Amino acid sequence: MRASASPSVSPATDRDVDELLLSKIRLGIVAELLTAEWIAFSELARALDVSNGNLGAHVARLVDAGYVDEEKSFLNRRPLTRYRLTTRGRDAFVAHVEQLQSLLKANV
């Protein structure tokens, strides 16, 4: 299992929107992982209707930020890569939603 936190990517502060979650694909990944224990790469690609290369690049950014855990294994001699949302990722998502809500309230 790979889980690392990059110092160059951090969750949003009170004034900043989390730029990692501004991407439609990365936000979709987090949304899919919110309700699941683990999701296979192929399931994510199907659910989000994105290419494997595009999904791989976006999920790698989330793994590097510590928002997502990655597990690589074999199932019936076939590689299986699956992902789950970390506590840090869930907290970043909640903070992102709260920040968006506060922006809405400030502009209404």
C-alpha atoms as a PDB file:
ATOM      1  CA  MET A   1       0.000   0.000   0.000  1.00  0.00           C
ATOM      2  CA  ARG A   2       1.313   3.443  -0.910  1.00  0.00           C
ATOM      3  CA  ALA A   3       0.322   6.520   1.020  1.00  0.00           C
ATOM      4  CA  SER A   4       2.502   9.571   1.114  1.00  0.00           C
ATOM      5  CA  ALA A   5       2.057  13.228   1.804  1.00  0.00           C
ATOM      6  CA  SER A   6       3.814  15.725  -0.408  1.00  0.00           C
ATOM      7  CA  PRO A   7       4.816  18.937   1.337  1.00  0.00           C
ATOM      8  CA  SER A   8       4.119  20.919  -1.861  1.00  0.00           C
ATOM      9  CA  VAL A   9       0.407  20.037  -1.797  1.00  0.00           C
ATOM     10  CA  SER A  10      -1.678  20.933   1.223  1.00  0.00           C
ATOM     11  CA  PRO A  11      -5.344  21.065   2.161  1.00  0.00           C
ATOM     12  CA  ALA A  12      -7.165  24.369   1.842  1.00  0.00           C
ATOM     13  CA  THR A  13      -6.793  27.023   4.485  1.00  0.00           C
ATOM     14  CA  ASP A  14      -9.690  29.220   5.569  1.00  0.00           C
ATOM     15  CA  ARG A  15      -9.081  31.613   2.665  1.00  0.00           C
ATOM     16  CA  ASP A  16      -7.937  29.253  -0.083  1.00  0.00           C
ATOM     17  CA  VAL A  17      -9.878  26.759  -2.117  1.00  0.00           C
ATOM     18  CA  ASP A  18      -8.090  23.407  -2.390  1.00  0.00           C
ATOM     19  CA  GLU A  19      -6.741  23.496  -5.942  1.00  0.00           C
ATOM     20  CA  LEU A  20      -6.396  19.717  -6.044  1.00  0.00           C
ATOM     21  CA  LEU A  21     -10.152  19.411  -5.762  1.00  0.00           C
ATOM     22  CA  LEU A  22     -10.948  22.028  -8.401  1.00  0.00           C
ATOM     23  CA  SER A  23     -10.311  19.436 -11.116  1.00  0.00           C
ATOM     24  CA  LYS A  24     -13.542  17.787 -12.263  1.00  0.00           C
ATOM     25  CA  ILE A  25     -11.826  14.400 -12.509  1.00  0.00           C
ATOM     26  CA  ARG A  26     -10.102  14.574  -9.106  1.00  0.00           C
ATOM     27  CA  LEU A  27     -13.323  15.758  -7.475  1.00  0.00           C
ATOM     28  CA  GLY A  28     -15.105  12.844  -9.184  1.00  0.00           C
ATOM     29  CA  ILE A  29     -12.523  10.405  -7.850  1.00  0.00           C
ATOM     30  CA  VAL A  30     -13.020  11.665  -4.300  1.00  0.00           C
ATOM     31  CA  ALA A  31     -16.804  11.574  -4.715  1.00  0.00           C
ATOM     32  CA  GLU A  32     -16.671   7.940  -5.867  1.00  0.00           C
ATOM     33  CA  LEU A  33     -14.402   6.999  -2.964  1.00  0.00           C
ATOM     34  CA  LEU A  34     -16.548   8.729  -0.310  1.00  0.00           C
ATOM     35  CA  THR A  35     -18.962   5.822   0.036  1.00  0.00           C
ATOM     36  CA  ALA A  36     -16.716   2.860  -0.737  1.00  0.00           C
ATOM     37  CA  GLU A  37     -14.114   1.001   1.276  1.00  0.00           C
ATOM     38  CA  TRP A  38     -11.958   0.285  -1.804  1.00  0.00           C
ATOM     39  CA  ILE A  39     -12.552   0.856  -5.530  1.00  0.00           C
ATOM     40  CA  ALA A  40     -10.588  -0.796  -8.328  1.00  0.00           C
ATOM     41  CA  PHE A  41      -8.916   1.376 -10.958  1.00  0.00           C
ATOM     42  CA  SER A  42     -11.077  -0.155 -13.699  1.00  0.00           C
ATOM     43  CA  GLU A  43     -14.268   0.660 -11.757  1.00  0.00           C
ATOM     44  CA  LEU A  44     -13.167   4.274 -11.305  1.00  0.00           C
ATOM     45  CA  ALA A  45     -12.341   4.623 -14.999  1.00  0.00           C
ATOM     46  CA  ARG A  46     -15.762   3.244 -15.927  1.00  0.00           C
ATOM     47  CA  ALA A  47     -17.653   5.373 -13.391  1.00  0.00           C
ATOM     48  CA  LEU A  48     -15.906   8.588 -14.438  1.00  0.00           C
ATOM     49  CA  ASP A  49     -15.782   7.754 -18.156  1.00  0.00           C
ATOM     50  CA  VAL A  50     -12.133   8.780 -18.520  1.00  0.00           C
ATOM     51  CA  SER A  51      -9.145   7.147 -20.183  1.00  0.00           C
ATOM     52  CA  ASN A  52      -6.764   5.034 -18.120  1.00  0.00           C
ATOM     53  CA  GLY A  53      -3.920   7.506 -18.702  1.00  0.00           C
ATOM     54  CA  ASN A  54      -5.970  10.501 -17.658  1.00  0.00           C
ATOM     55  CA  LEU A  55      -7.300   8.736 -14.561  1.00  0.00           C
ATOM     56  CA  GLY A  56      -3.826   7.490 -13.636  1.00  0.00           C
ATOM     57  CA  ALA A  57      -2.371  10.997 -13.719  1.00  0.00           C
ATOM     58  CA  HIS A  58      -5.154  12.462 -11.595  1.00  0.00           C
ATOM     59  CA  VAL A  59      -5.251   9.675  -9.022  1.00  0.00           C
ATOM     60  CA  ALA A  60      -1.446   9.894  -8.683  1.00  0.00           C
ATOM     61  CA  ARG A  61      -1.790  13.541  -7.629  1.00  0.00           C
ATOM     62  CA  LEU A  62      -4.321  12.546  -4.956  1.00  0.00           C
ATOM     63  CA  VAL A  63      -2.085   9.715  -3.722  1.00  0.00           C
ATOM     64  CA  ASP A  64       0.935  12.044  -3.582  1.00  0.00           C
ATOM     65  CA  ALA A  65      -1.109  14.552  -1.560  1.00  0.00           C
ATOM     66  CA  GLY A  66      -2.104  11.857   0.923  1.00  0.00           C
ATOM     67  CA  TYR A  67      -5.792  12.133   0.006  1.00  0.00           C
ATOM     68  CA  VAL A  68      -6.003   8.592  -1.380  1.00  0.00           C
ATOM     69  CA  ASP A  69      -4.361   5.263  -0.465  1.00  0.00           C
ATOM     70  CA  GLU A  70      -3.276   2.976  -3.284  1.00  0.00           C
ATOM     71  CA  GLU A  71      -2.981  -0.803  -3.017  1.00  0.00           C
ATOM     72  CA  LYS A  72      -1.446  -2.960  -5.740  1.00  0.00           C
ATOM     73  CA  SER A  73      -1.917  -6.731  -5.741  1.00  0.00           C
ATOM     74  CA  PHE A  74      -2.739  -9.656  -7.984  1.00  0.00           C
ATOM     75  CA  LEU A  75      -6.081 -11.403  -8.360  1.00  0.00           C
ATOM     76  CA  ASN A  76      -6.030 -14.655 -10.328  1.00  0.00           C
ATOM     77  CA  ARG A  77      -2.591 -13.696 -11.683  1.00  0.00           C
ATOM     78  CA  ARG A  78      -3.897 -10.361 -12.960  1.00  0.00           C
ATOM     79  CA  PRO A  79      -2.754  -7.030 -11.523  1.00  0.00           C
ATOM     80  CA  LEU A  80      -5.299  -5.237  -9.384  1.00  0.00           C
ATOM     81  CA  THR A  81      -4.891  -1.627  -8.295  1.00  0.00           C
ATOM     82  CA  ARG A  82      -7.450  -0.225  -5.938  1.00  0.00           C
ATOM     83  CA  TYR A  83      -7.945   2.965  -3.983  1.00  0.00           C
ATOM     84  CA  ARG A  84      -9.605   4.304  -0.862  1.00  0.00           C
ATOM     85  CA  LEU A  85     -10.078   7.769   0.560  1.00  0.00           C
ATOM     86  CA  THR A  86      -7.868   8.640   3.528  1.00  0.00           C
ATOM     87  CA  THR A  87      -8.948  10.635   6.548  1.00  0.00           C
ATOM     88  CA  ARG A  88      -6.895  13.512   5.177  1.00  0.00           C
ATOM     89  CA  GLY A  89      -8.726  13.224   1.848  1.00  0.00           C
ATOM     90  CA  ARG A  90     -12.129  13.157   3.524  1.00  0.00           C
ATOM     91  CA  ASP A  91     -11.191  16.177   5.656  1.00  0.00           C
ATOM     92  CA  ALA A  92      -9.958  18.040   2.565  1.00  0.00           C
ATOM     93  CA  PHE A  93     -13.231  17.289   0.768  1.00  0.00           C
ATOM     94  CA  VAL A  94     -15.313  18.530   3.715  1.00  0.00           C
ATOM     95  CA  ALA A  95     -13.182  21.688   3.960  1.00  0.00           C
ATOM     96  CA  HIS A  96     -13.536  22.203   0.191  1.00  0.00           C
ATOM     97  CA  VAL A  97     -17.331  21.938   0.366  1.00  0.00           C
ATOM     98  CA  GLU A  98     -17.443  24.285   3.362  1.00  0.00           C
ATOM     99  CA  GLN A  99     -15.240  26.791   1.535  1.00  0.00           C
ATOM    100  CA  LEU A 100     -17.507  26.688  -1.516  1.00  0.00           C
ATOM    101  CA  GLN A 101     -20.551  27.159   0.714  1.00  0.00           C
ATOM    102  CA  SER A 102     -18.962  30.174   2.403  1.00  0.00           C
ATOM    103  CA  LEU A 103     -18.189  31.671  -1.015  1.00  0.00           C
ATOM    104  CA  LEU A 104     -21.833  31.240  -1.961  1.00  0.00           C
ATOM    105  CA  LYS A 105     -23.037  32.847   1.265  1.00  0.00           C
ATOM    106  CA  ALA A 106     -20.638  35.752   0.843  1.00  0.00           C
ATOM    107  CA  ASN A 107     -21.910  36.435  -2.674  1.00  0.00           C
ATOM    108  CA  VAL A 108     -25.647  36.040  -2.052  1.00  0.00           C
END
